[in-house]
Amino acid sequence: MKINKRSFTKAERKFARFLQENKIPFKTKVKIKNREIDFIVGNYAIEIDCHEQDGSKNEMLVREGFIPIHFSNKEIKNNEFNKFS
């Protein structure tokens, strides 16, 4: 999967590289109920944000059977997401 600068933030590209390097299957930029989700890994809906969380989006994801996880750009930059691997 090609992760380009035009469609992805720096943090999203770094997270995608981590998933690829660790051979973790994922989908990216998935639309669920007309809402874009950064990454889908199994039943986890992973958002990489630099803004306040959208409670209605989280509620929709849970109704659709996903577990929402949010990382800030700073957490990605500092490799804090590695604690989940």
N, C-alpha and C. Protein backbone atom coordinates (compact mmCIF):
# COMPACT_ATOMS: atom_id res chain seq x y z
N MET A 1 0.84 -1.17 0.00
CA MET A 1 0.00 0.00 0.00
C MET A 1 0.89 1.24 0.00
N LYS A 2 0.61 2.15 -0.89
CA LYS A 2 1.38 3.39 -1.00
C LYS A 2 0.75 4.46 -0.11
N ILE A 3 1.51 4.96 0.82
CA ILE A 3 1.06 6.01 1.72
C ILE A 3 1.77 7.30 1.28
N ASN A 4 1.02 8.21 0.65
CA ASN A 4 1.65 9.41 0.09
C ASN A 4 1.40 10.64 0.95
N LYS A 5 2.23 11.65 0.72
CA LYS A 5 2.16 12.88 1.50
C LYS A 5 0.88 13.67 1.26
N ARG A 6 0.32 13.54 0.08
CA ARG A 6 -0.86 14.33 -0.26
C ARG A 6 -2.09 13.91 0.56
N SER A 7 -2.23 12.62 0.81
CA SER A 7 -3.43 12.11 1.46
C SER A 7 -3.28 11.83 2.95
N PHE A 8 -2.05 11.83 3.45
CA PHE A 8 -1.81 11.43 4.82
C PHE A 8 -0.93 12.45 5.54
N THR A 9 -1.21 12.64 6.84
CA THR A 9 -0.35 13.51 7.64
C THR A 9 0.95 12.76 7.95
N LYS A 10 1.92 13.49 8.45
CA LYS A 10 3.20 12.87 8.81
C LYS A 10 2.98 11.79 9.87
N ALA A 11 2.14 12.07 10.85
CA ALA A 11 1.86 11.09 11.90
C ALA A 11 1.18 9.84 11.33
N GLU A 12 0.24 10.04 10.41
CA GLU A 12 -0.43 8.89 9.78
C GLU A 12 0.54 8.06 8.97
N ARG A 13 1.45 8.70 8.27
CA ARG A 13 2.45 7.95 7.50
C ARG A 13 3.36 7.14 8.43
N LYS A 14 3.75 7.73 9.54
CA LYS A 14 4.61 7.02 10.50
C LYS A 14 3.88 5.82 11.08
N PHE A 15 2.61 5.99 11.43
CA PHE A 15 1.83 4.89 11.99
C PHE A 15 1.64 3.78 10.95
N ALA A 16 1.38 4.16 9.71
CA ALA A 16 1.21 3.17 8.63
C ALA A 16 2.51 2.38 8.42
N ARG A 17 3.65 3.06 8.47
CA ARG A 17 4.94 2.36 8.33
C ARG A 17 5.12 1.35 9.46
N PHE A 18 4.76 1.76 10.68
CA PHE A 18 4.85 0.85 11.83
C PHE A 18 4.01 -0.40 11.58
N LEU A 19 2.78 -0.21 11.12
CA LEU A 19 1.90 -1.36 10.86
C LEU A 19 2.48 -2.24 9.76
N GLN A 20 2.97 -1.62 8.69
CA GLN A 20 3.54 -2.39 7.58
C GLN A 20 4.78 -3.16 8.02
N GLU A 21 5.67 -2.50 8.74
CA GLU A 21 6.92 -3.14 9.18
C GLU A 21 6.65 -4.33 10.10
N ASN A 22 5.56 -4.25 10.86
CA ASN A 22 5.21 -5.31 11.79
C ASN A 22 4.20 -6.29 11.21
N LYS A 23 3.97 -6.15 9.90
CA LYS A 23 3.07 -7.05 9.16
C LYS A 23 1.69 -7.16 9.82
N ILE A 24 1.19 -6.01 10.28
CA ILE A 24 -0.14 -5.94 10.87
C ILE A 24 -1.10 -5.51 9.77
N PRO A 25 -2.06 -6.36 9.41
CA PRO A 25 -2.98 -5.98 8.34
C PRO A 25 -3.88 -4.82 8.78
N PHE A 26 -4.07 -3.88 7.86
CA PHE A 26 -4.89 -2.72 8.17
C PHE A 26 -5.52 -2.16 6.91
N LYS A 27 -6.56 -1.38 7.13
CA LYS A 27 -7.18 -0.59 6.06
C LYS A 27 -7.06 0.86 6.49
N THR A 28 -7.00 1.74 5.53
CA THR A 28 -6.86 3.15 5.88
C THR A 28 -7.84 3.99 5.07
N LYS A 29 -8.21 5.12 5.69
CA LYS A 29 -9.16 6.07 5.09
C LYS A 29 -10.46 5.37 4.71
N VAL A 30 -10.99 4.61 5.65
CA VAL A 30 -12.22 3.85 5.45
C VAL A 30 -13.41 4.73 5.81
N LYS A 31 -14.45 4.66 4.99
CA LYS A 31 -15.69 5.40 5.27
C LYS A 31 -16.66 4.46 5.97
N ILE A 32 -17.15 4.89 7.12
CA ILE A 32 -18.18 4.17 7.86
C ILE A 32 -19.27 5.18 8.16
N LYS A 33 -20.46 4.93 7.65
CA LYS A 33 -21.59 5.85 7.83
C LYS A 33 -21.20 7.28 7.45
N ASN A 34 -20.52 7.41 6.32
CA ASN A 34 -20.08 8.71 5.79
C ASN A 34 -19.07 9.43 6.66
N ARG A 35 -18.42 8.72 7.57
CA ARG A 35 -17.37 9.32 8.40
C ARG A 35 -16.07 8.60 8.07
N GLU A 36 -15.02 9.37 7.83
CA GLU A 36 -13.73 8.76 7.49
C GLU A 36 -12.97 8.37 8.74
N ILE A 37 -12.46 7.14 8.72
CA ILE A 37 -11.67 6.60 9.82
C ILE A 37 -10.24 6.47 9.31
N ASP A 38 -9.26 6.92 10.10
CA ASP A 38 -7.87 6.89 9.66
C ASP A 38 -7.38 5.46 9.41
N PHE A 39 -7.58 4.57 10.39
CA PHE A 39 -7.10 3.19 10.26
C PHE A 39 -8.11 2.23 10.87
N ILE A 40 -8.28 1.09 10.21
CA ILE A 40 -9.04 -0.02 10.77
C ILE A 40 -8.06 -1.18 10.90
N VAL A 41 -7.91 -1.67 12.12
CA VAL A 41 -7.05 -2.82 12.41
C VAL A 41 -7.93 -3.80 13.18
N GLY A 42 -8.35 -4.85 12.51
CA GLY A 42 -9.29 -5.78 13.14
C GLY A 42 -10.58 -5.05 13.46
N ASN A 43 -10.98 -5.07 14.73
CA ASN A 43 -12.18 -4.33 15.12
C ASN A 43 -11.85 -3.01 15.83
N TYR A 44 -10.61 -2.56 15.67
CA TYR A 44 -10.20 -1.27 16.23
C TYR A 44 -10.29 -0.19 15.15
N ALA A 45 -10.91 0.91 15.50
CA ALA A 45 -10.98 2.09 14.63
C ALA A 45 -10.01 3.10 15.23
N ILE A 46 -8.90 3.32 14.55
CA ILE A 46 -7.82 4.15 15.10
C ILE A 46 -7.81 5.49 14.41
N GLU A 47 -7.88 6.54 15.24
CA GLU A 47 -7.85 7.91 14.75
C GLU A 47 -6.57 8.57 15.27
N ILE A 48 -5.93 9.30 14.40
CA ILE A 48 -4.76 10.08 14.79
C ILE A 48 -5.17 11.54 14.65
N ASP A 49 -5.24 12.22 15.80
CA ASP A 49 -5.85 13.54 15.85
C ASP A 49 -4.93 14.59 16.44
N CYS A 50 -5.24 15.79 16.10
CA CYS A 50 -4.60 16.93 16.78
C CYS A 50 -5.71 17.87 17.25
N HIS A 51 -6.89 17.30 17.44
CA HIS A 51 -8.04 18.11 17.84
C HIS A 51 -8.87 17.34 18.86
N GLU A 52 -9.88 18.00 19.40
CA GLU A 52 -10.77 17.39 20.38
C GLU A 52 -11.53 16.22 19.75
N GLN A 53 -11.79 15.21 20.55
CA GLN A 53 -12.47 14.01 20.05
C GLN A 53 -13.93 14.29 19.76
N ASP A 54 -14.46 13.59 18.77
CA ASP A 54 -15.85 13.70 18.36
C ASP A 54 -16.64 12.57 19.00
N GLY A 55 -17.37 12.90 20.06
CA GLY A 55 -18.13 11.89 20.80
C GLY A 55 -19.15 11.17 19.94
N SER A 56 -19.82 11.89 19.03
CA SER A 56 -20.83 11.23 18.19
C SER A 56 -20.19 10.22 17.24
N LYS A 57 -18.98 10.52 16.78
CA LYS A 57 -18.27 9.58 15.91
C LYS A 57 -17.90 8.32 16.70
N ASN A 58 -17.43 8.50 17.93
CA ASN A 58 -17.09 7.36 18.78
C ASN A 58 -18.32 6.50 19.04
N GLU A 59 -19.44 7.13 19.34
CA GLU A 59 -20.69 6.39 19.58
C GLU A 59 -21.10 5.59 18.34
N MET A 60 -21.00 6.19 17.17
CA MET A 60 -21.35 5.51 15.92
C MET A 60 -20.43 4.30 15.72
N LEU A 61 -19.13 4.47 15.97
CA LEU A 61 -18.19 3.37 15.80
C LEU A 61 -18.52 2.20 16.72
N VAL A 62 -18.86 2.50 17.96
CA VAL A 62 -19.23 1.45 18.90
C VAL A 62 -20.49 0.74 18.43
N ARG A 63 -21.49 1.49 17.97
CA ARG A 63 -22.72 0.87 17.44
C ARG A 63 -22.43 -0.04 16.26
N GLU A 64 -21.40 0.30 15.47
CA GLU A 64 -21.04 -0.49 14.30
C GLU A 64 -20.09 -1.64 14.64
N GLY A 65 -19.75 -1.80 15.92
CA GLY A 65 -18.95 -2.94 16.35
C GLY A 65 -17.46 -2.69 16.44
N PHE A 66 -17.05 -1.43 16.43
CA PHE A 66 -15.63 -1.09 16.51
C PHE A 66 -15.26 -0.55 17.88
N ILE A 67 -14.00 -0.67 18.21
CA ILE A 67 -13.45 -0.10 19.43
C ILE A 67 -12.63 1.12 19.01
N PRO A 68 -13.08 2.33 19.34
CA PRO A 68 -12.33 3.52 18.95
C PRO A 68 -11.08 3.72 19.81
N ILE A 69 -9.99 4.03 19.14
CA ILE A 69 -8.74 4.36 19.81
C ILE A 69 -8.24 5.65 19.18
N HIS A 70 -7.78 6.57 20.01
CA HIS A 70 -7.28 7.85 19.52
C HIS A 70 -5.85 8.04 19.98
N PHE A 71 -5.02 8.45 19.05
CA PHE A 71 -3.65 8.86 19.35
C PHE A 71 -3.50 10.31 18.91
N SER A 72 -2.77 11.07 19.68
CA SER A 72 -2.45 12.43 19.26
C SER A 72 -1.23 12.38 18.34
N ASN A 73 -1.03 13.44 17.60
CA ASN A 73 0.18 13.53 16.76
C ASN A 73 1.42 13.40 17.62
N LYS A 74 1.38 13.98 18.82
CA LYS A 74 2.53 13.93 19.73
C LYS A 74 2.82 12.49 20.17
N GLU A 75 1.78 11.71 20.45
CA GLU A 75 1.98 10.31 20.83
C GLU A 75 2.64 9.53 19.70
N ILE A 76 2.23 9.80 18.47
CA ILE A 76 2.84 9.12 17.32
C ILE A 76 4.29 9.56 17.18
N LYS A 77 4.52 10.86 17.26
CA LYS A 77 5.89 11.39 17.14
C LYS A 77 6.82 10.76 18.18
N ASN A 78 6.32 10.56 19.40
CA ASN A 78 7.12 10.02 20.49
C ASN A 78 7.08 8.50 20.57
N ASN A 79 6.50 7.86 19.56
CA ASN A 79 6.40 6.39 19.52
C ASN A 79 5.65 5.80 20.70
N GLU A 80 4.73 6.55 21.29
CA GLU A 80 3.98 6.05 22.45
C GLU A 80 2.96 4.99 22.06
N PHE A 81 2.67 4.85 20.78
CA PHE A 81 1.73 3.82 20.33
C PHE A 81 2.37 2.44 20.39
N ASN A 82 3.68 2.36 20.48
CA ASN A 82 4.38 1.07 20.52
C ASN A 82 4.00 0.23 21.73
N LYS A 83 3.46 0.86 22.77
CA LYS A 83 3.09 0.11 23.96
C LYS A 83 1.96 -0.87 23.67
N PHE A 84 1.28 -0.71 22.52
CA PHE A 84 0.20 -1.59 22.15
C PHE A 84 0.67 -2.77 21.30
N SER A 85 1.94 -2.78 20.92
CA SER A 85 2.41 -3.88 20.04
C SER A 85 2.90 -5.06 20.85
